[in-house]
């Protein structure tokens, strides 16, 4: 063997290494497959039932939706009390829904249901 071949032989076979080097190499070769325990991330969706009392409640409702809540709004009282303020409040809510890609729907019973962008309402 030439000196170069002998050097290559020692590098590839591990010949000429100390005992500690062999132990390190053996530890490196033993691959232990560790699978991390996948904790199921439980994400709860909160459904809030709120009353739309006027235009001033729109910002509070928007904050709830930004936090990821689904909101059921009672609107019957405001419809009976002040129809103009109800209409302005609904227009503002619709604009916010378009802006943040939320879904909104009204029911015959006097409720408005608004969902964040991760939930869609099937009509």
PDB file of N, CA and C in Angstrom:
ATOM      1  N   UNK A   1       0.840  -1.185   0.000  1.00  0.00           N
ATOM      2  CA  UNK A   1       0.000   0.000   0.000  1.00  0.00           C
ATOM      3  C   UNK A   1       0.878   1.240   0.000  1.00  0.00           C
ATOM      4  N   UNK A   2       0.429   2.199  -0.771  1.00  0.00           N
ATOM      5  CA  UNK A   2       1.144   3.461  -0.767  1.00  0.00           C
ATOM      6  C   UNK A   2       0.695   4.255   0.443  1.00  0.00           C
ATOM      7  N   UNK A   3       1.374   5.332   0.721  1.00  0.00           N
ATOM      8  CA  UNK A   3       1.058   6.149   1.898  1.00  0.00           C
ATOM      9  C   UNK A   3      -0.324   6.766   1.775  1.00  0.00           C
ATOM     10  N   UNK A   4      -0.696   7.173   0.561  1.00  0.00           N
ATOM     11  CA  UNK A   4      -2.017   7.777   0.350  1.00  0.00           C
ATOM     12  C   UNK A   4      -3.122   6.750   0.527  1.00  0.00           C
ATOM     13  N   UNK A   5      -2.910   5.551  -0.014  1.00  0.00           N
ATOM     14  CA  UNK A   5      -3.906   4.497   0.156  1.00  0.00           C
ATOM     15  C   UNK A   5      -4.030   4.095   1.622  1.00  0.00           C
ATOM     16  N   UNK A   6      -2.900   4.049   2.336  1.00  0.00           N
ATOM     17  CA  UNK A   6      -2.922   3.705   3.748  1.00  0.00           C
ATOM     18  C   UNK A   6      -3.678   4.759   4.548  1.00  0.00           C
ATOM     19  N   UNK A   7      -3.492   6.031   4.212  1.00  0.00           N
ATOM     20  CA  UNK A   7      -4.193   7.115   4.885  1.00  0.00           C
ATOM     21  C   UNK A   7      -5.690   7.021   4.623  1.00  0.00           C
ATOM     22  N   UNK A   8      -6.069   6.772   3.382  1.00  0.00           N
ATOM     23  CA  UNK A   8      -7.489   6.599   3.047  1.00  0.00           C
ATOM     24  C   UNK A   8      -8.079   5.399   3.776  1.00  0.00           C
ATOM     25  N   UNK A   9      -7.315   4.316   3.868  1.00  0.00           N
ATOM     26  CA  UNK A   9      -7.783   3.125   4.561  1.00  0.00           C
ATOM     27  C   UNK A   9      -8.048   3.438   6.030  1.00  0.00           C
ATOM     28  N   UNK A  10      -7.163   4.172   6.664  1.00  0.00           N
ATOM     29  CA  UNK A  10      -7.317   4.504   8.072  1.00  0.00           C
ATOM     30  C   UNK A  10      -8.522   5.418   8.294  1.00  0.00           C
ATOM     31  N   UNK A  11      -8.752   6.350   7.371  1.00  0.00           N
ATOM     32  CA  UNK A  11      -9.870   7.273   7.524  1.00  0.00           C
ATOM     33  C   UNK A  11     -11.196   6.556   7.360  1.00  0.00           C
ATOM     34  N   UNK A  12     -11.321   5.720   6.322  1.00  0.00           N
ATOM     35  CA  UNK A  12     -12.603   5.080   6.044  1.00  0.00           C
ATOM     36  C   UNK A  12     -12.906   3.919   6.974  1.00  0.00           C
ATOM     37  N   UNK A  13     -11.907   3.199   7.418  1.00  0.00           N
ATOM     38  CA  UNK A  13     -12.175   2.056   8.281  1.00  0.00           C
ATOM     39  C   UNK A  13     -12.103   2.390   9.748  1.00  0.00           C
ATOM     40  N   UNK A  14     -11.525   3.517  10.070  1.00  0.00           N
ATOM     41  CA  UNK A  14     -11.416   3.882  11.469  1.00  0.00           C
ATOM     42  C   UNK A  14     -10.190   3.308  12.124  1.00  0.00           C
ATOM     43  N   UNK A  15      -9.309   2.687  11.341  1.00  0.00           N
ATOM     44  CA  UNK A  15      -8.081   2.122  11.899  1.00  0.00           C
ATOM     45  C   UNK A  15      -7.192   3.260  12.376  1.00  0.00           C
ATOM     46  N   UNK A  16      -6.533   3.062  13.475  1.00  0.00           N
ATOM     47  CA  UNK A  16      -5.626   4.066  14.001  1.00  0.00           C
ATOM     48  C   UNK A  16      -6.329   5.048  14.934  1.00  0.00           C
ATOM     49  N   UNK A  17      -7.604   4.828  15.216  1.00  0.00           N
ATOM     50  CA  UNK A  17      -8.323   5.711  16.123  1.00  0.00           C
ATOM     51  C   UNK A  17      -8.148   5.202  17.538  1.00  0.00           C
ATOM     52  N   UNK A  18      -8.284   6.088  18.489  1.00  0.00           N
ATOM     53  CA  UNK A  18      -8.219   5.686  19.883  1.00  0.00           C
ATOM     54  C   UNK A  18      -9.524   5.033  20.299  1.00  0.00           C
ATOM     55  N   UNK A  19      -9.528   4.443  21.482  1.00  0.00           N
ATOM     56  CA  UNK A  19     -10.718   3.743  21.958  1.00  0.00           C
ATOM     57  C   UNK A  19     -11.897   4.690  22.173  1.00  0.00           C
ATOM     58  N   UNK A  20     -11.603   5.908  22.608  1.00  0.00           N
ATOM     59  CA  UNK A  20     -12.681   6.874  22.821  1.00  0.00           C
ATOM     60  C   UNK A  20     -13.280   7.337  21.495  1.00  0.00           C
ATOM     61  N   UNK A  21     -12.427   7.443  20.481  1.00  0.00           N
ATOM     62  CA  UNK A  21     -12.923   7.812  19.155  1.00  0.00           C
ATOM     63  C   UNK A  21     -13.856   6.735  18.611  1.00  0.00           C
ATOM     64  N   UNK A  22     -13.516   5.469  18.873  1.00  0.00           N
ATOM     65  CA  UNK A  22     -14.380   4.379  18.415  1.00  0.00           C
ATOM     66  C   UNK A  22     -15.731   4.413  19.132  1.00  0.00           C
ATOM     67  N   UNK A  23     -15.720   4.724  20.433  1.00  0.00           N
ATOM     68  CA  UNK A  23     -16.977   4.806  21.175  1.00  0.00           C
ATOM     69  C   UNK A  23     -17.841   5.952  20.665  1.00  0.00           C
ATOM     70  N   UNK A  24     -17.208   7.085  20.384  1.00  0.00           N
ATOM     71  CA  UNK A  24     -17.959   8.221  19.849  1.00  0.00           C
ATOM     72  C   UNK A  24     -18.580   7.873  18.509  1.00  0.00           C
ATOM     73  N   UNK A  25     -17.777   7.222  17.674  1.00  0.00           N
ATOM     74  CA  UNK A  25     -18.258   6.855  16.350  1.00  0.00           C
ATOM     75  C   UNK A  25     -19.430   5.880  16.459  1.00  0.00           C
ATOM     76  N   UNK A  26     -19.333   4.944  17.404  1.00  0.00           N
ATOM     77  CA  UNK A  26     -20.396   3.966  17.590  1.00  0.00           C
ATOM     78  C   UNK A  26     -21.678   4.655  18.050  1.00  0.00           C
ATOM     79  N   UNK A  27     -21.546   5.651  18.947  1.00  0.00           N
ATOM     80  CA  UNK A  27     -22.715   6.390  19.409  1.00  0.00           C
ATOM     81  C   UNK A  27     -23.364   7.166  18.271  1.00  0.00           C
ATOM     82  N   UNK A  28     -22.532   7.733  17.403  1.00  0.00           N
ATOM     83  CA  UNK A  28     -23.062   8.498  16.285  1.00  0.00           C
ATOM     84  C   UNK A  28     -23.804   7.606  15.297  1.00  0.00           C
ATOM     85  N   UNK A  29     -23.305   6.373  15.112  1.00  0.00           N
ATOM     86  CA  UNK A  29     -23.912   5.470  14.151  1.00  0.00           C
ATOM     87  C   UNK A  29     -25.254   4.938  14.635  1.00  0.00           C
ATOM     88  N   UNK A  30     -25.416   4.779  15.929  1.00  0.00           N
ATOM     89  CA  UNK A  30     -26.666   4.267  16.461  1.00  0.00           C
ATOM     90  C   UNK A  30     -27.700   5.389  16.428  1.00  0.00           C
ATOM     91  N   UNK A  31     -28.573   5.280  15.507  1.00  0.00           N
ATOM     92  CA  UNK A  31     -29.612   6.309  15.377  1.00  0.00           C
ATOM     93  C   UNK A  31     -30.840   5.855  16.151  1.00  0.00           C
ATOM     94  N   UNK A  32     -31.219   6.661  17.057  1.00  0.00           N
ATOM     95  CA  UNK A  32     -32.422   6.377  17.837  1.00  0.00           C
ATOM     96  C   UNK A  32     -33.497   7.310  17.332  1.00  0.00           C
ATOM     97  N   UNK A  33     -34.561   6.718  16.865  1.00  0.00           N
ATOM     98  CA  UNK A  33     -35.656   7.531  16.347  1.00  0.00           C
ATOM     99  C   UNK A  33     -36.553   7.930  17.504  1.00  0.00           C
ATOM    100  N   UNK A  34     -36.586   9.190  17.751  1.00  0.00           N
ATOM    101  CA  UNK A  34     -37.394   9.720  18.835  1.00  0.00           C
ATOM    102  C   UNK A  34     -38.577  10.448  18.215  1.00  0.00           C
ATOM    103  N   UNK A  35     -39.743   9.981  18.538  1.00  0.00           N
ATOM    104  CA  UNK A  35     -40.939  10.660  18.038  1.00  0.00           C
ATOM    105  C   UNK A  35     -41.516  11.480  19.171  1.00  0.00           C
ATOM    106  N   UNK A  36     -41.568  12.769  18.979  1.00  0.00           N
ATOM    107  CA  UNK A  36     -42.124  13.607  20.056  1.00  0.00           C
ATOM    108  C   UNK A  36     -43.607  13.310  20.221  1.00  0.00           C
ATOM    109  N   UNK A  37     -43.996  13.333  21.464  1.00  0.00           N
ATOM    110  CA  UNK A  37     -45.409  13.111  21.737  1.00  0.00           C
ATOM    111  C   UNK A  37     -46.192  14.291  21.203  1.00  0.00           C
ATOM    112  N   UNK A  38     -47.044  13.988  20.272  1.00  0.00           N
ATOM    113  CA  UNK A  38     -47.840  15.054  19.685  1.00  0.00           C
ATOM    114  C   UNK A  38     -49.035  15.320  20.588  1.00  0.00           C
ATOM    115  N   UNK A  39     -48.961  16.460  21.208  1.00  0.00           N
ATOM    116  CA  UNK A  39     -50.069  16.843  22.058  1.00  0.00           C
ATOM    117  C   UNK A  39     -51.164  17.388  21.174  1.00  0.00           C
ATOM    118  N   UNK A  40     -52.314  16.847  21.341  1.00  0.00           N
ATOM    119  CA  UNK A  40     -53.435  17.341  20.556  1.00  0.00           C
ATOM    120  C   UNK A  40     -53.789  18.729  21.047  1.00  0.00           C
ATOM    121  N   UNK A  41     -53.634  19.657  20.153  1.00  0.00           N
ATOM    122  CA  UNK A  41     -53.960  21.028  20.512  1.00  0.00           C
ATOM    123  C   UNK A  41     -55.474  21.170  20.422  1.00  0.00           C
ATOM    124  N   UNK A  42     -56.076  21.309  21.553  1.00  0.00           N
ATOM    125  CA  UNK A  42     -57.521  21.447  21.597  1.00  0.00           C
ATOM    126  C   UNK A  42     -57.864  22.917  21.495  1.00  0.00           C
ATOM    127  N   UNK A  43     -58.500  23.247  20.425  1.00  0.00           N
ATOM    128  CA  UNK A  43     -58.872  24.635  20.222  1.00  0.00           C
ATOM    129  C   UNK A  43     -60.386  24.705  20.302  1.00  0.00           C
ATOM    130  N   UNK A  44     -60.838  25.473  21.229  1.00  0.00           N
ATOM    131  CA  UNK A  44     -62.256  25.614  21.424  1.00  0.00           C
ATOM    132  C   UNK A  44     -62.738  26.892  20.751  1.00  0.00           C
ATOM    133  N   UNK A  45     -63.918  26.820  20.203  1.00  0.00           N
ATOM    134  CA  UNK A  45     -64.541  27.992  19.601  1.00  0.00           C
ATOM    135  C   UNK A  45     -65.636  28.436  20.554  1.00  0.00           C
ATOM    136  N   UNK A  46     -65.597  29.691  20.917  1.00  0.00           N
ATOM    137  CA  UNK A  46     -66.586  30.229  21.826  1.00  0.00           C
ATOM    138  C   UNK A  46     -67.694  30.882  21.021  1.00  0.00           C
ATOM    139  N   UNK A  47     -68.910  30.575  21.377  1.00  0.00           N
ATOM    140  CA  UNK A  47     -70.077  31.200  20.757  1.00  0.00           C
ATOM    141  C   UNK A  47     -70.669  32.150  21.779  1.00  0.00           C
ATOM    142  N   UNK A  48     -70.686  33.412  21.429  1.00  0.00           N
ATOM    143  CA  UNK A  48     -71.175  34.451  22.342  1.00  0.00           C
ATOM    144  C   UNK A  48     -72.555  34.903  21.890  1.00  0.00           C
ATOM    145  N   UNK A  49     -73.458  35.039  22.818  1.00  0.00           N
ATOM    146  CA  UNK A  49     -74.780  35.595  22.560  1.00  0.00           C
ATOM    147  C   UNK A  49     -74.774  37.003  23.149  1.00  0.00           C
ATOM    148  N   UNK A  50     -74.895  37.992  22.280  1.00  0.00           N
ATOM    149  CA  UNK A  50     -74.826  39.390  22.682  1.00  0.00           C
ATOM    150  C   UNK A  50     -76.082  40.114  22.208  1.00  0.00           C
ATOM    151  N   UNK A  51     -76.328  41.264  22.789  1.00  0.00           N
ATOM    152  CA  UNK A  51     -77.448  42.109  22.393  1.00  0.00           C
ATOM    153  C   UNK A  51     -76.908  43.337  21.679  1.00  0.00           C
ATOM    154  N   UNK A  52     -77.463  43.616  20.521  1.00  0.00           N
ATOM    155  CA  UNK A  52     -77.088  44.815  19.783  1.00  0.00           C
ATOM    156  C   UNK A  52     -77.958  45.946  20.307  1.00  0.00           C
ATOM    157  N   UNK A  53     -77.350  46.791  21.123  1.00  0.00           N
ATOM    158  CA  UNK A  53     -78.085  47.885  21.743  1.00  0.00           C
ATOM    159  C   UNK A  53     -77.995  49.182  20.975  1.00  0.00           C
ATOM    160  N   UNK A  54     -77.094  49.246  20.007  1.00  0.00           N
ATOM    161  CA  UNK A  54     -76.930  50.471  19.237  1.00  0.00           C
ATOM    162  C   UNK A  54     -75.617  50.467  18.494  1.00  0.00           C
ATOM    163  N   UNK A  55     -75.342  51.608  17.885  1.00  0.00           N
ATOM    164  CA  UNK A  55     -74.138  51.772  17.075  1.00  0.00           C
ATOM    165  C   UNK A  55     -72.864  51.635  17.914  1.00  0.00           C
ATOM    166  N   UNK A  56     -72.963  51.981  19.195  1.00  0.00           N
ATOM    167  CA  UNK A  56     -71.785  51.920  20.067  1.00  0.00           C
ATOM    168  C   UNK A  56     -71.334  50.482  20.345  1.00  0.00           C
ATOM    169  N   UNK A  57     -72.213  49.510  20.181  1.00  0.00           N
ATOM    170  CA  UNK A  57     -71.872  48.107  20.429  1.00  0.00           C
ATOM    171  C   UNK A  57     -71.096  47.469  19.289  1.00  0.00           C
ATOM    172  N   UNK A  58     -71.028  48.123  18.145  1.00  0.00           N
ATOM    173  CA  UNK A  58     -70.395  47.525  16.969  1.00  0.00           C
ATOM    174  C   UNK A  58     -68.909  47.261  17.216  1.00  0.00           C
ATOM    175  N   UNK A  59     -68.211  48.192  17.853  1.00  0.00           N
ATOM    176  CA  UNK A  59     -66.779  48.010  18.109  1.00  0.00           C
ATOM    177  C   UNK A  59     -66.531  46.860  19.094  1.00  0.00           C
ATOM    178  N   UNK A  60     -67.380  46.719  20.080  1.00  0.00           N
ATOM    179  CA  UNK A  60     -67.251  45.617  21.043  1.00  0.00           C
ATOM    180  C   UNK A  60     -67.454  44.275  20.334  1.00  0.00           C
ATOM    181  N   UNK A  61     -68.419  44.225  19.442  1.00  0.00           N
ATOM    182  CA  UNK A  61     -68.693  42.997  18.694  1.00  0.00           C
ATOM    183  C   UNK A  61     -67.529  42.680  17.757  1.00  0.00           C
ATOM    184  N   UNK A  62     -66.973  43.707  17.128  1.00  0.00           N
ATOM    185  CA  UNK A  62     -65.817  43.505  16.248  1.00  0.00           C
ATOM    186  C   UNK A  62     -64.630  42.954  17.032  1.00  0.00           C
ATOM    187  N   UNK A  63     -64.429  43.437  18.246  1.00  0.00           N
ATOM    188  CA  UNK A  63     -63.337  42.942  19.083  1.00  0.00           C
ATOM    189  C   UNK A  63     -63.533  41.461  19.419  1.00  0.00           C
ATOM    190  N   UNK A  64     -64.773  41.075  19.709  1.00  0.00           N
ATOM    191  CA  UNK A  64     -65.062  39.664  19.997  1.00  0.00           C
ATOM    192  C   UNK A  64     -64.752  38.784  18.795  1.00  0.00           C
ATOM    193  N   UNK A  65     -65.100  39.263  17.607  1.00  0.00           N
ATOM    194  CA  UNK A  65     -64.835  38.488  16.396  1.00  0.00           C
ATOM    195  C   UNK A  65     -63.343  38.394  16.108  1.00  0.00           C
ATOM    196  N   UNK A  66     -62.610  39.454  16.367  1.00  0.00           N
ATOM    197  CA  UNK A  66     -61.165  39.424  16.161  1.00  0.00           C
ATOM    198  C   UNK A  66     -60.490  38.441  17.099  1.00  0.00           C
ATOM    199  N   UNK A  67     -61.100  38.206  18.255  1.00  0.00           N
ATOM    200  CA  UNK A  67     -60.577  37.226  19.213  1.00  0.00           C
ATOM    201  C   UNK A  67     -60.927  35.798  18.812  1.00  0.00           C
ATOM    202  N   UNK A  68     -61.758  35.618  17.771  1.00  0.00           N
ATOM    203  CA  UNK A  68     -62.084  34.278  17.284  1.00  0.00           C
ATOM    204  C   UNK A  68     -63.405  33.730  17.773  1.00  0.00           C
ATOM    205  N   UNK A  69     -64.270  34.568  18.314  1.00  0.00           N
ATOM    206  CA  UNK A  69     -65.574  34.122  18.795  1.00  0.00           C
ATOM    207  C   UNK A  69     -66.606  34.168  17.673  1.00  0.00           C
ATOM    208  N   UNK A  70     -67.566  33.283  17.734  1.00  0.00           N
ATOM    209  CA  UNK A  70     -68.749  33.354  16.879  1.00  0.00           C
ATOM    210  C   UNK A  70     -69.799  34.113  17.676  1.00  0.00           C
ATOM    211  N   UNK A  71     -70.458  35.081  17.051  1.00  0.00           N
ATOM    212  CA  UNK A  71     -71.359  35.963  17.784  1.00  0.00           C
ATOM    213  C   UNK A  71     -72.780  35.823  17.257  1.00  0.00           C
ATOM    214  N   UNK A  72     -73.707  35.568  18.163  1.00  0.00           N
ATOM    215  CA  UNK A  72     -75.145  35.622  17.890  1.00  0.00           C
ATOM    216  C   UNK A  72     -75.646  36.938  18.483  1.00  0.00           C
ATOM    217  N   UNK A  73     -76.175  37.786  17.644  1.00  0.00           N
ATOM    218  CA  UNK A  73     -76.651  39.089  18.118  1.00  0.00           C
ATOM    219  C   UNK A  73     -78.168  39.104  18.193  1.00  0.00           C
ATOM    220  N   UNK A  74     -78.684  39.493  19.348  1.00  0.00           N
ATOM    221  CA  UNK A  74     -80.118  39.726  19.486  1.00  0.00           C
ATOM    222  C   UNK A  74     -80.382  41.143  18.996  1.00  0.00           C
ATOM    223  N   UNK A  75     -81.277  41.288  18.029  1.00  0.00           N
ATOM    224  CA  UNK A  75     -81.504  42.617  17.449  1.00  0.00           C
ATOM    225  C   UNK A  75     -82.956  43.070  17.528  1.00  0.00           C
ATOM    226  N   UNK A  76     -83.841  42.230  18.023  1.00  0.00           N
ATOM    227  CA  UNK A  76     -85.272  42.550  18.015  1.00  0.00           C
ATOM    228  C   UNK A  76     -85.593  43.836  18.766  1.00  0.00           C
ATOM    229  N   UNK A  77     -84.980  44.006  19.929  1.00  0.00           N
ATOM    230  CA  UNK A  77     -85.274  45.196  20.742  1.00  0.00           C
ATOM    231  C   UNK A  77     -84.860  46.477  20.029  1.00  0.00           C
ATOM    232  N   UNK A  78     -83.682  46.469  19.408  1.00  0.00           N
ATOM    233  CA  UNK A  78     -83.219  47.663  18.701  1.00  0.00           C
ATOM    234  C   UNK A  78     -84.064  47.927  17.460  1.00  0.00           C
ATOM    235  N   UNK A  79     -84.511  46.875  16.791  1.00  0.00           N
ATOM    236  CA  UNK A  79     -85.373  47.050  15.617  1.00  0.00           C
ATOM    237  C   UNK A  79     -86.667  47.752  16.002  1.00  0.00           C
ATOM    238  N   UNK A  80     -87.235  47.363  17.136  1.00  0.00           N
ATOM    239  CA  UNK A  80     -88.489  47.967  17.584  1.00  0.00           C
ATOM    240  C   UNK A  80     -88.275  49.389  18.101  1.00  0.00           C
ATOM    241  N   UNK A  81     -87.158  49.616  18.798  1.00  0.00           N
ATOM    242  CA  UNK A  81     -86.902  50.896  19.441  1.00  0.00           C
ATOM    243  C   UNK A  81     -86.478  51.981  18.445  1.00  0.00           C
ATOM    244  N   UNK A  82     -85.470  51.687  17.621  1.00  0.00           N
ATOM    245  CA  UNK A  82     -84.925  52.700  16.711  1.00  0.00           C
ATOM    246  C   UNK A  82     -84.454  52.004  15.434  1.00  0.00           C
ATOM    247  N   UNK A  83     -85.293  51.995  14.422  1.00  0.00           N
ATOM    248  CA  UNK A  83     -84.983  51.295  13.178  1.00  0.00           C
ATOM    249  C   UNK A  83     -83.795  51.927  12.454  1.00  0.00           C
ATOM    250  N   UNK A  84     -83.674  53.241  12.497  1.00  0.00           N
ATOM    251  CA  UNK A  84     -82.563  53.926  11.829  1.00  0.00           C
ATOM    252  C   UNK A  84     -81.215  53.548  12.415  1.00  0.00           C
ATOM    253  N   UNK A  85     -81.123  53.524  13.736  1.00  0.00           N
ATOM    254  CA  UNK A  85     -79.866  53.135  14.384  1.00  0.00           C
ATOM    255  C   UNK A  85     -79.555  51.665  14.114  1.00  0.00           C
ATOM    256  N   UNK A  86     -80.581  50.835  14.072  1.00  0.00           N
ATOM    257  CA  UNK A  86     -80.386  49.421  13.735  1.00  0.00           C
ATOM    258  C   UNK A  86     -79.785  49.282  12.339  1.00  0.00           C
ATOM    259  N   UNK A  87     -80.346  50.008  11.382  1.00  0.00           N
ATOM    260  CA  UNK A  87     -79.855  49.924  10.004  1.00  0.00           C
ATOM    261  C   UNK A  87     -78.412  50.418   9.899  1.00  0.00           C
ATOM    262  N   UNK A  88     -78.091  51.509  10.589  1.00  0.00           N
ATOM    263  CA  UNK A  88     -76.711  52.009  10.582  1.00  0.00           C
ATOM    264  C   UNK A  88     -75.742  51.008  11.215  1.00  0.00           C
ATOM    265  N   UNK A  89     -76.181  50.372  12.283  1.00  0.00           N
ATOM    266  CA  UNK A  89     -75.334  49.381  12.954  1.00  0.00           C
ATOM    267  C   UNK A  89     -75.075  48.187  12.046  1.00  0.00           C
ATOM    268  N   UNK A  90     -76.116  47.738  11.359  1.00  0.00           N
ATOM    269  CA  UNK A  90     -75.958  46.593  10.462  1.00  0.00           C
ATOM    270  C   UNK A  90     -75.056  46.945   9.280  1.00  0.00           C
ATOM    271  N   UNK A  91     -75.179  48.160   8.758  1.00  0.00           N
ATOM    272  CA  UNK A  91     -74.296  48.592   7.665  1.00  0.00           C
ATOM    273  C   UNK A  91     -72.837  48.592   8.112  1.00  0.00           C
ATOM    274  N   UNK A  92     -72.594  49.089   9.317  1.00  0.00           N
ATOM    275  CA  UNK A  92     -71.233  49.104   9.856  1.00  0.00           C
ATOM    276  C   UNK A  92     -70.715  47.677  10.036  1.00  0.00           C
ATOM    277  N   UNK A  93     -71.557  46.786  10.545  1.00  0.00           N
ATOM    278  CA  UNK A  93     -71.154  45.386  10.712  1.00  0.00           C
ATOM    279  C   UNK A  93     -70.842  44.736   9.359  1.00  0.00           C
ATOM    280  N   UNK A  94     -71.654  45.039   8.358  1.00  0.00           N
ATOM    281  CA  UNK A  94     -71.412  44.478   7.023  1.00  0.00           C
ATOM    282  C   UNK A  94     -70.082  44.967   6.451  1.00  0.00           C
ATOM    283  N   UNK A  95     -69.786  46.246   6.649  1.00  0.00           N
ATOM    284  CA  UNK A  95     -68.508  46.786   6.168  1.00  0.00           C
ATOM    285  C   UNK A  95     -67.330  46.088   6.855  1.00  0.00           C
ATOM    286  N   UNK A  96     -67.458  45.891   8.168  1.00  0.00           N
ATOM    287  CA  UNK A  96     -66.397  45.198   8.898  1.00  0.00           C
ATOM    288  C   UNK A  96     -66.261  43.747   8.429  1.00  0.00           C
ATOM    289  N   UNK A  97     -67.384  43.110   8.149  1.00  0.00           N
ATOM    290  CA  UNK A  97     -67.354  41.719   7.667  1.00  0.00           C
ATOM    291  C   UNK A  97     -66.657  41.628   6.313  1.00  0.00           C
ATOM    292  N   UNK A  98     -66.902  42.567   5.447  1.00  0.00           N
ATOM    293  CA  UNK A  98     -66.217  42.582   4.149  1.00  0.00           C
ATOM    294  C   UNK A  98     -64.728  42.846   4.320  1.00  0.00           C
ATOM    295  N   UNK A  99     -64.389  43.731   5.238  1.00  0.00           N
ATOM    296  CA  UNK A  99     -62.998  44.100   5.465  1.00  0.00           C
ATOM    297  C   UNK A  99     -62.180  42.940   6.032  1.00  0.00           C
ATOM    298  N   UNK A 100     -62.737  42.220   6.995  1.00  0.00           N
ATOM    299  CA  UNK A 100     -62.007  41.150   7.673  1.00  0.00           C
ATOM    300  C   UNK A 100     -62.363  39.750   7.178  1.00  0.00           C
ATOM    301  N   UNK A 101     -63.167  39.656   6.133  1.00  0.00           N
ATOM    302  CA  UNK A 101     -63.569  38.372   5.548  1.00  0.00           C
ATOM    303  C   UNK A 101     -64.355  37.503   6.543  1.00  0.00           C
ATOM    304  N   UNK A 102     -65.222  38.152   7.311  1.00  0.00           N
ATOM    305  CA  UNK A 102     -66.115  37.438   8.207  1.00  0.00           C
ATOM    306  C   UNK A 102     -67.393  37.117   7.452  1.00  0.00           C
ATOM    307  N   UNK A 103     -68.178  36.213   7.998  1.00  0.00           N
ATOM    308  CA  UNK A 103     -69.449  35.841   7.388  1.00  0.00           C
ATOM    309  C   UNK A 103     -70.582  36.341   8.279  1.00  0.00           C
ATOM    310  N   UNK A 104     -71.627  36.883   7.668  1.00  0.00           N
ATOM    311  CA  UNK A 104     -72.752  37.449   8.425  1.00  0.00           C
ATOM    312  C   UNK A 104     -74.045  36.992   7.783  1.00  0.00           C
ATOM    313  N   UNK A 105     -75.025  36.705   8.626  1.00  0.00           N
ATOM    314  CA  UNK A 105     -76.353  36.313   8.146  1.00  0.00           C
ATOM    315  C   UNK A 105     -77.380  36.732   9.191  1.00  0.00           C
ATOM    316  N   UNK A 106     -78.535  37.130   8.717  1.00  0.00           N
ATOM    317  CA  UNK A 106     -79.637  37.486   9.601  1.00  0.00           C
ATOM    318  C   UNK A 106     -80.701  36.405   9.578  1.00  0.00           C
ATOM    319  N   UNK A 107     -81.423  36.266  10.680  1.00  0.00           N
ATOM    320  CA  UNK A 107     -82.498  35.274  10.751  1.00  0.00           C
ATOM    321  C   UNK A 107     -83.839  35.988  10.886  1.00  0.00           C
ATOM    322  N   UNK A 108     -84.885  35.246  10.658  1.00  0.00           N
ATOM    323  CA  UNK A 108     -86.231  35.797  10.778  1.00  0.00           C
ATOM    324  C   UNK A 108     -86.605  36.076  12.232  1.00  0.00           C
ATOM    325  N   UNK A 109     -85.940  35.426  13.145  1.00  0.00           N
ATOM    326  CA  UNK A 109     -86.264  35.559  14.568  1.00  0.00           C
ATOM    327  C   UNK A 109     -85.627  36.778  15.218  1.00  0.00           C
ATOM    328  N   UNK A 110     -84.932  37.601  14.450  1.00  0.00           N
ATOM    329  CA  UNK A 110     -84.323  38.797  15.012  1.00  0.00           C
ATOM    330  C   UNK A 110     -82.912  38.592  15.519  1.00  0.00           C
ATOM    331  N   UNK A 111     -82.197  37.649  14.947  1.00  0.00           N
ATOM    332  CA  UNK A 111     -80.801  37.402  15.296  1.00  0.00           C
ATOM    333  C   UNK A 111     -79.919  37.675  14.086  1.00  0.00           C
ATOM    334  N   UNK A 112     -78.705  38.126  14.363  1.00  0.00           N
ATOM    335  CA  UNK A 112     -77.660  38.219  13.350  1.00  0.00           C
ATOM    336  C   UNK A 112     -76.532  37.317  13.823  1.00  0.00           C
ATOM    337  N   UNK A 113     -76.064  36.460  12.933  1.00  0.00           N
ATOM    338  CA  UNK A 113     -74.976  35.543  13.266  1.00  0.00           C
ATOM    339  C   UNK A 113     -73.751  35.990  12.476  1.00  0.00           C
ATOM    340  N   UNK A 114     -72.649  36.199  13.186  1.00  0.00           N
ATOM    341  CA  UNK A 114     -71.405  36.625  12.553  1.00  0.00           C
ATOM    342  C   UNK A 114     -70.315  35.645  12.959  1.00  0.00           C
ATOM    343  N   UNK A 115     -69.574  35.159  11.961  1.00  0.00           N
ATOM    344  CA  UNK A 115     -68.491  34.199  12.229  1.00  0.00           C
ATOM    345  C   UNK A 115     -67.164  34.760  11.735  1.00  0.00           C
ATOM    346  N   UNK A 116     -66.062  34.428  12.417  1.00  0.00           N
ATOM    347  CA  UNK A 116     -64.743  34.820  11.931  1.00  0.00           C
ATOM    348  C   UNK A 116     -64.411  34.100  10.637  1.00  0.00           C
ATOM    349  N   UNK A 117     -63.259  34.405  10.043  1.00  0.00           N
ATOM    350  CA  UNK A 117     -62.936  33.876   8.729  1.00  0.00           C
ATOM    351  C   UNK A 117     -62.653  32.370   8.709  1.00  0.00           C
ATOM    352  N   UNK A 118     -62.436  31.713   9.845  1.00  0.00           N
ATOM    353  CA  UNK A 118     -62.199  30.277   9.834  1.00  0.00           C
ATOM    354  C   UNK A 118     -63.501  29.469   9.801  1.00  0.00           C
ATOM    355  N   UNK A 119     -64.657  30.116  10.005  1.00  0.00           N
ATOM    356  CA  UNK A 119     -65.943  29.432   9.977  1.00  0.00           C
ATOM    357  C   UNK A 119     -66.840  30.087   8.929  1.00  0.00           C
ATOM    358  N   UNK A 120     -67.507  29.268   8.161  1.00  0.00           N
ATOM    359  CA  UNK A 120     -68.406  29.784   7.133  1.00  0.00           C
ATOM    360  C   UNK A 120     -69.828  29.331   7.436  1.00  0.00           C
ATOM    361  N   UNK A 121     -70.778  30.170   7.052  1.00  0.00           N
ATOM    362  CA  UNK A 121     -72.200  29.870   7.240  1.00  0.00           C
ATOM    363  C   UNK A 121     -72.719  29.315   5.915  1.00  0.00           C
ATOM    364  N   UNK A 122     -73.313  28.135   5.988  1.00  0.00           N
ATOM    365  CA  UNK A 122     -73.892  27.515   4.797  1.00  0.00           C
ATOM    366  C   UNK A 122     -75.338  27.968   4.703  1.00  0.00           C
ATOM    367  N   UNK A 123     -75.679  28.540   3.572  1.00  0.00           N
ATOM    368  CA  UNK A 123     -77.029  29.058   3.384  1.00  0.00           C
ATOM    369  C   UNK A 123     -77.867  28.093   2.586  1.00  0.00           C
TER     370      UNK A 123
END
